[in-house]
Protein backbone atom coordinates (compact mmCIF):
# COMPACT_ATOMS: atom_id res chain seq x y z
CA MET A 1 91.05 104.53 80.45
CA LYS A 2 91.51 108.34 80.26
CA TYR A 3 87.84 109.14 79.26
CA ALA A 4 86.43 106.87 82.01
CA CYS A 5 88.37 108.32 84.57
CA ARG A 6 87.26 111.82 84.18
CA LYS A 7 84.70 113.06 86.50
CA GLY A 8 81.67 113.55 84.61
CA PRO A 9 81.86 110.26 82.74
CA MET A 10 82.65 108.14 85.71
CA CYS A 11 79.60 109.91 87.71
CA GLN A 12 77.36 109.11 84.74
CA LEU A 13 78.46 105.26 84.67
CA VAL A 14 77.95 104.85 88.10
CA ASN A 15 75.00 106.74 88.31
CA LEU A 16 73.70 104.63 85.92
CA MET A 17 74.15 101.27 87.55
CA HIS A 18 72.83 102.95 90.86
CA GLU A 19 69.61 103.38 88.79
CA LEU A 20 69.90 99.56 87.93
CA PHE A 21 71.15 98.29 90.99
CA PRO A 22 70.16 100.99 93.87
CA GLY A 23 71.43 98.65 96.77
CA HIS A 24 74.74 97.97 95.36
CA PHE A 25 76.07 101.05 94.03
CA SER A 26 75.36 103.89 96.35
CA PHE A 27 78.97 104.72 97.20
CA LEU A 28 79.15 107.73 95.07
CA PRO A 29 77.77 110.79 96.52
CA LEU A 30 74.89 112.46 94.81
CA SER A 31 76.35 113.81 91.46
CA TRP A 32 75.43 115.82 88.53
CA PRO A 33 77.52 116.32 85.55
CA ILE A 34 77.06 119.71 84.37
CA PRO A 35 76.34 122.02 82.25
CA GLY A 36 73.99 118.80 80.99
CA GLN A 37 72.35 117.81 84.21
CA TYR A 38 72.04 121.49 85.55
CA ALA A 39 68.38 121.70 85.25
CA ALA A 40 68.00 118.50 87.24
CA PHE A 41 70.47 119.69 89.81
CA CYS A 42 68.37 122.92 90.32
CA HIS A 43 65.25 121.16 90.66
CA TYR A 44 66.66 118.69 93.34
CA ALA A 45 68.52 121.74 95.21
CA PHE A 46 65.37 123.73 95.38
CA THR A 47 63.39 120.96 96.52
CA GLN A 48 65.58 120.11 99.22
CA LYS A 49 65.99 123.67 100.44
CA ASP A 50 62.06 123.57 100.96
CA THR A 51 61.89 120.15 102.62
CA ALA A 52 65.35 119.31 104.11
CA LYS A 53 65.81 119.77 108.03
CA LYS A 54 69.74 120.60 107.49
CA THR A 55 70.97 123.00 105.06
CA GLN A 56 72.53 120.80 102.28
CA TYR A 57 75.99 122.19 100.90
CA TYR A 58 77.73 121.08 97.49
CA ILE A 59 81.17 120.74 95.94
CA LEU A 60 81.91 121.70 92.24
CA LYS A 61 84.84 119.69 90.60
CA PRO A 62 86.07 120.48 87.02
CA ASP A 63 85.70 117.66 85.13
CA GLU A 64 89.31 117.30 83.90
CA GLY A 65 90.56 119.19 86.93
CA SER A 66 93.54 118.13 88.85
CA GLN A 67 95.56 119.13 92.25
CA GLY A 68 92.54 121.06 93.50
CA ASP A 69 92.26 123.33 90.77
CA GLY A 70 88.65 124.89 90.24
CA ILE A 71 87.14 122.84 93.24
CA TYR A 72 85.04 124.89 95.73
CA LEU A 73 81.85 124.66 98.25
CA PHE A 74 78.66 126.32 97.60
CA LYS A 75 75.10 126.18 99.03
CA CYS A 76 72.73 127.30 96.19
CA PRO A 77 72.90 126.72 92.16
CA MET A 78 72.45 130.42 91.74
CA ASP A 79 76.05 130.78 93.52
CA LEU A 80 77.51 128.96 90.38
CA THR A 81 79.06 131.38 87.90
CA GLN A 82 78.07 131.61 84.30
CA GLY A 83 81.76 130.87 83.44
CA THR A 84 81.61 127.52 85.58
CA LEU A 85 78.10 126.62 83.68
CA SER A 86 79.97 126.83 80.22
CA LYS A 87 82.57 124.00 80.99
CA ASN A 88 82.36 120.65 81.91
CA SER A 89 82.12 120.09 85.66
CA VAL A 90 80.56 117.77 88.17
CA VAL A 91 78.48 119.10 91.43
CA GLN A 92 78.14 116.74 94.30
CA HIS A 93 76.61 116.70 97.73
CA TYR A 94 79.46 117.89 99.92
CA ILE A 95 80.11 114.88 102.73
CA HIS A 96 79.69 117.06 105.76
CA ASN A 97 80.55 114.20 108.38
CA PRO A 98 83.84 112.97 107.29
CA LEU A 99 85.94 110.62 109.77
CA LEU A 100 88.48 112.43 111.51
CA ILE A 101 91.71 111.79 113.09
CA ASP A 102 92.90 114.29 115.63
CA GLY A 103 90.32 116.81 114.34
CA PHE A 104 91.32 116.61 110.86
CA LYS A 105 89.67 115.63 107.45
CA PHE A 106 91.62 113.12 105.52
CA ASP A 107 91.09 110.97 102.49
CA LEU A 108 92.98 107.83 101.06
CA ARG A 109 94.62 107.19 98.03
CA LEU A 110 94.45 103.55 96.87
CA TYR A 111 96.19 102.14 94.19
CA VAL A 112 94.90 99.65 91.59
CA LEU A 113 96.37 97.74 89.00
CA VAL A 114 93.92 96.76 85.93
CA ALA A 115 95.75 93.74 84.53
CA LYS A 116 92.93 92.66 82.08
CA LEU A 117 89.64 94.05 80.94
CA ASP A 118 87.87 90.92 79.09
CA PRO A 119 88.05 89.00 81.53
CA LEU A 120 88.53 91.58 84.34
CA LYS A 121 91.18 91.21 86.29
CA ALA A 122 92.60 93.66 88.82
CA TYR A 123 94.61 94.05 91.91
CA LEU A 124 94.48 96.09 95.04
CA CYS A 125 97.32 97.26 96.62
CA TYR A 126 97.57 97.36 100.33
CA GLU A 127 99.57 100.24 100.99
CA GLY A 128 98.68 103.82 99.69
CA LEU A 129 98.78 107.10 100.93
CA ALA A 130 96.39 109.25 103.51
CA ARG A 131 96.30 113.04 102.62
CA PHE A 132 95.27 115.30 105.63
CA CYS A 133 93.87 118.58 105.81
CA THR A 134 95.82 121.13 107.39
CA GLU A 135 93.32 123.10 109.41
CA LYS A 136 90.88 121.29 111.95
CA TYR A 137 87.62 120.56 110.63
CA GLU A 138 84.55 122.35 111.01
CA LYS A 139 81.10 121.44 109.59
CA PRO A 140 80.38 123.75 106.15
CA ALA A 141 78.97 126.85 106.86
CA MET A 142 78.72 129.99 105.10
CA LYS A 143 81.57 131.38 107.08
CA ASN A 144 84.05 128.53 106.36
CA LEU A 145 83.19 127.60 102.82
CA GLY A 146 86.09 129.20 101.40
CA LYS A 147 88.69 127.67 103.84
CA ALA A 148 90.33 125.18 101.55
CA TYR A 149 92.75 123.92 104.01
CA MET A 150 89.82 122.61 106.03
CA HIS A 151 87.71 121.34 103.53
CA LEU A 152 90.09 119.79 100.44
CA THR A 153 92.28 117.08 101.18
CA ASN A 154 94.45 117.45 97.85
CA TYR A 155 98.07 117.44 98.86
CA SER A 156 98.92 119.91 96.16
CA LEU A 157 97.05 122.69 98.10
CA ASN A 158 97.70 121.64 101.61
CA LYS A 159 101.43 121.54 100.92
CA TYR A 160 101.54 125.36 100.55
CA SER A 161 99.76 125.78 104.14
CA SER A 162 102.03 127.00 107.09
CA ASP A 163 100.65 124.26 109.18
CA PHE A 164 101.60 121.69 106.63
CA ILE A 165 103.63 119.11 108.73
CA ARG A 166 106.43 117.20 106.89
CA SER A 167 107.58 114.12 108.92
CA GLU A 168 109.94 111.15 108.05
CA GLN A 169 107.47 109.14 110.17
CA GLU A 170 104.92 107.41 107.97
CA SER A 171 102.47 107.62 110.59
CA GLU A 172 102.90 111.34 111.58
CA GLY A 173 102.48 114.49 109.49
CA SER A 174 100.18 115.84 106.73
CA LYS A 175 100.83 112.83 104.49
CA ARG A 176 101.00 109.47 105.58
CA THR A 177 101.09 105.80 104.51
CA LEU A 178 97.83 104.09 104.39
CA SER A 179 98.78 101.24 106.60
CA SER A 180 99.77 103.53 109.38
CA VAL A 181 96.28 105.22 109.41
CA MET A 182 94.63 101.62 109.36
CA THR A 183 96.85 100.72 112.54
CA LYS A 184 95.75 103.81 114.24
CA LEU A 185 92.26 102.94 113.65
CA LYS A 186 92.85 99.43 114.87
CA THR A 187 94.22 100.80 118.04
CA LEU A 188 91.40 103.06 118.61
CA GLY A 189 88.99 100.04 118.62
CA HIS A 190 87.75 99.80 114.65
CA ASP A 191 87.10 97.05 112.87
CA THR A 192 89.78 97.71 109.98
CA GLU A 193 88.88 94.24 108.24
CA LYS A 194 85.68 95.36 107.86
CA ILE A 195 86.61 98.74 106.66
CA TRP A 196 88.98 96.95 103.98
CA SER A 197 86.13 94.75 102.91
CA SER A 198 83.89 97.73 102.28
CA ILE A 199 86.55 99.81 100.43
CA LYS A 200 87.45 96.82 98.04
CA ASP A 201 83.66 96.69 97.61
CA VAL A 202 83.81 100.18 96.22
CA VAL A 203 86.81 99.62 94.07
CA PHE A 204 85.96 96.60 92.43
CA LYS A 205 82.13 97.64 91.81
CA THR A 206 83.51 100.98 90.25
CA LEU A 207 85.77 98.92 87.90
CA ILE A 208 82.80 97.08 86.67
CA CYS A 209 81.19 100.35 86.05
CA ILE A 210 83.89 101.62 83.97
CA ALA A 211 85.38 98.52 82.51
CA PRO A 212 82.99 98.37 79.28
CA LEU A 213 83.75 102.04 78.34
CA THR A 214 87.29 101.75 78.67
CA LYS A 215 87.25 98.36 76.69
CA VAL A 216 85.75 100.60 73.83
CA GLU A 217 88.31 103.02 74.20
CA GLN A 218 91.05 100.70 73.85
CA LEU A 219 89.73 99.14 70.63
CA SER A 220 89.23 102.26 69.29
CA MET A 221 93.00 102.91 69.59
CA ASP A 222 94.98 102.40 66.39
CA ASN A 223 97.91 100.74 67.65
CA PHE A 224 95.65 98.43 70.08
CA LYS A 225 96.11 94.51 69.58
CA GLU A 226 93.06 92.55 70.78
CA LYS A 227 95.29 89.52 72.07
CA SER A 228 98.23 91.75 73.51
CA SER A 229 98.90 90.75 77.14
CA ASN A 230 101.30 93.19 77.75
CA HIS A 231 99.33 96.16 78.80
CA PHE A 232 97.92 97.34 82.02
CA HIS A 233 96.44 100.45 83.76
CA LEU A 234 97.58 101.94 87.05
CA LEU A 235 94.85 103.77 88.71
CA GLY A 236 94.62 106.02 91.62
CA PHE A 237 91.35 105.71 93.71
CA ASP A 238 90.57 108.42 96.11
CA ILE A 239 88.32 107.37 99.14
CA LEU A 240 86.63 109.12 102.00
CA LEU A 241 85.37 107.57 105.04
CA ASP A 242 82.66 109.11 106.72
CA GLU A 243 81.95 109.09 110.53
CA ASN A 244 80.44 105.73 110.10
CA PHE A 245 83.13 104.20 108.22
CA ASN A 246 81.36 104.27 104.83
CA PRO A 247 83.66 104.52 102.12
CA PHE A 248 82.71 107.31 99.41
CA LEU A 249 84.50 107.26 95.85
CA LEU A 250 85.60 110.90 95.35
CA GLU A 251 87.43 110.14 92.27
CA ILE A 252 89.72 108.16 89.97
CA ASN A 253 92.99 109.33 88.99
CA GLY A 254 94.05 107.84 85.53
CA PHE A 255 97.96 108.82 86.04
CA PRO A 256 98.57 108.43 89.80
CA SER A 257 101.67 109.86 91.38
CA MET A 258 103.21 107.45 94.03
CA ARG A 259 105.47 109.89 95.28
CA THR A 260 105.48 111.15 99.10
CA ASP A 261 107.88 113.87 98.87
CA TYR A 262 109.76 112.14 101.61
CA GLU A 263 112.79 110.34 100.44
CA VAL A 264 112.79 108.13 103.59
CA TYR A 265 110.03 106.10 102.33
CA ASP A 266 109.34 107.20 98.30
CA SER A 267 111.27 104.09 97.10
CA LEU A 268 109.42 102.02 99.81
CA MET A 269 105.89 103.24 98.44
CA ASN A 270 106.79 102.31 94.80
CA LYS A 271 107.97 98.70 95.75
CA THR A 272 105.18 98.13 98.08
CA VAL A 273 102.77 99.12 95.37
CA ILE A 274 104.10 96.51 93.10
CA GLN A 275 104.67 93.84 95.80
CA LYS A 276 101.48 94.39 98.29
CA SER A 277 98.51 93.62 96.05
CA SER A 278 95.12 91.84 96.17
CA ARG A 279 93.43 90.10 93.37
């Protein structure tokens, strides 16, 4: 599933389904793979600038980037460098109103096991990770666009922050278990069952988008056997909740890590991902 999990192809597939079924596939922030759709992005951005009441900010992500490399926020298409435009990337609406816990932005890493593509069969694990920023969130403005520890939830970036908190308690620190975050939201009076339902909807609709291309990708492999039943894919879905608890798909990781870097519950995470799955 390597190709379909790249940011550019994944965005194109979800965007296509959004055009066909706009009421059902609106969980991806507005996205433009570049350089292919750079002109379309410019047209949109300059039109928004003339008509929108609020300033819209954008985020650029390299197509095959990982661990936060090459990601940055910007305001205007003219802010993109020529070097950026020569490489495959994705430009997206920056979600300016994320759900916060204790003033910090965070995202959720979900683990999905794809057992079969035809017919599609997949399992969503009820345990995962929550990755927190290490600087309290402020809405994007020119003065803070470069503050990676405020805007980017990538653990590989934030672990170098002097404010990164390592805790052996799964409900504390800058990297926590998904279940502990859901428990906290529930204690605050939020409907976590509804949140889970909307997250599952995003996951399985995304799988519907990428499954056909992935099937073609598998069939093109020299060693692929049509009737083989002993292969599977483990994917990492990165989900961001906004302040209204709407889930947005940030990206899919085709080779997700299940390490927490905390020995106390590293083994627990790996066992749980195998055991706590929902078909």
